[in-house]
Protein backbone atom coordinates (compact mmCIF):
# COMPACT_ATOMS: atom_id res chain seq x y z
CA MET A 1 11.91 -6.68 -13.79
CA ALA A 2 8.24 -6.18 -13.63
CA TYR A 3 6.64 -4.64 -10.58
CA LYS A 4 3.12 -3.96 -9.36
CA PHE A 5 2.34 -1.52 -6.65
CA TYR A 6 -0.42 -1.99 -4.06
CA THR A 7 -1.85 0.06 -1.20
CA VAL A 8 -2.63 -1.71 2.02
CA ASP A 9 -6.20 -0.69 2.66
CA ARG A 10 -6.81 -2.63 5.81
CA ILE A 11 -5.78 -5.62 7.78
CA GLU A 12 -8.58 -7.95 9.01
CA GLU A 13 -7.23 -10.59 11.40
CA ASP A 14 -4.68 -12.49 9.21
CA ILE A 15 -5.73 -11.05 5.85
CA ALA A 16 -4.48 -7.84 4.26
CA VAL A 17 -6.73 -6.14 1.78
CA LEU A 18 -4.70 -4.59 -0.97
CA TYR A 19 -5.68 -2.37 -3.88
CA GLU A 20 -3.58 -2.20 -7.00
CA ARG A 21 -2.27 1.32 -7.67
CA ASP A 22 -3.09 1.22 -11.37
CA GLY A 23 -6.12 3.53 -11.22
CA GLU A 24 -8.46 0.59 -11.28
CA GLU A 25 -10.37 -0.89 -8.29
CA ASN A 26 -8.41 -4.16 -8.39
CA LYS A 27 -8.64 -5.66 -4.91
CA THR A 28 -6.50 -8.49 -3.65
CA ASP A 29 -6.73 -10.38 -0.31
CA ILE A 30 -3.52 -11.86 0.87
CA HIS A 31 -2.45 -13.59 4.06
CA VAL A 32 -0.19 -11.34 6.18
CA SER A 33 2.40 -14.12 6.46
CA GLU A 34 3.21 -13.45 2.81
CA LEU A 35 3.95 -9.77 3.53
CA PRO A 36 6.71 -7.97 5.36
CA GLU A 37 6.44 -8.32 9.11
CA ASP A 38 6.12 -4.55 9.84
CA ILE A 39 3.27 -3.99 7.32
CA LYS A 40 0.59 -1.54 8.28
CA GLU A 41 -2.49 0.10 6.79
CA GLY A 42 -1.63 2.79 4.25
CA ASP A 43 1.71 1.27 3.25
CA ILE A 44 2.62 1.09 -0.41
CA LEU A 45 3.86 -2.37 -1.40
CA LYS A 46 6.02 -3.24 -4.41
CA PHE A 47 5.37 -6.70 -5.70
CA ASP A 48 8.22 -8.28 -7.67
CA GLU A 49 6.44 -10.54 -10.15
CA GLU A 50 9.60 -12.43 -11.01
CA ASN A 51 10.35 -13.51 -7.43
CA SER A 52 6.74 -13.23 -6.07
CA THR A 53 7.86 -11.07 -3.17
CA TYR A 54 6.42 -7.96 -1.52
CA THR A 55 8.49 -5.13 -0.05
CA ILE A 56 7.35 -1.88 1.51
CA ASP A 57 8.10 1.10 -0.72
CA LYS A 58 8.99 3.52 2.05
CA GLU A 59 9.55 6.41 -0.27
CA GLN A 60 6.14 6.14 -1.97
CA THR A 61 4.46 5.50 1.39
CA GLU A 62 5.94 8.69 2.81
CA GLN A 63 5.02 10.67 -0.29
CA VAL A 64 1.38 9.52 -0.14
CA LYS A 65 1.25 10.30 3.63
CA THR A 66 2.66 13.77 2.97
CA ASN A 67 0.12 14.43 0.21
CA ILE A 68 -2.80 13.40 2.43
CA GLU A 69 -1.59 15.61 5.32
CA GLU A 70 -1.28 18.55 2.94
CA ARG A 71 -4.77 18.01 1.63
CA PHE A 72 -6.16 17.97 5.18
CA ARG A 73 -4.30 21.20 5.96
CA LYS A 74 -5.78 22.91 2.95
CA LEU A 75 -9.22 21.51 3.60
CA PHE A 76 -9.39 22.77 7.21
CA LYS A 77 -7.66 26.08 6.41
CA LYS A 78 -10.70 27.26 4.48
């Protein structure tokens, strides 16, 4: 199976702005009705290319959140 991963940058009304997590600045706008109901900004989405479905990758989302919190702690510790 082939997957792509996206970060939910923001949600503007009924459109979610996603950035592909491939190191590039590939932006995708998608209607929120095509995404999981409990989607929120900062979530990492896994897109199954075979089935054209998005799921929230809770493990990666939590890892990114933890990394950001750690960076803030280090930044403000100085």
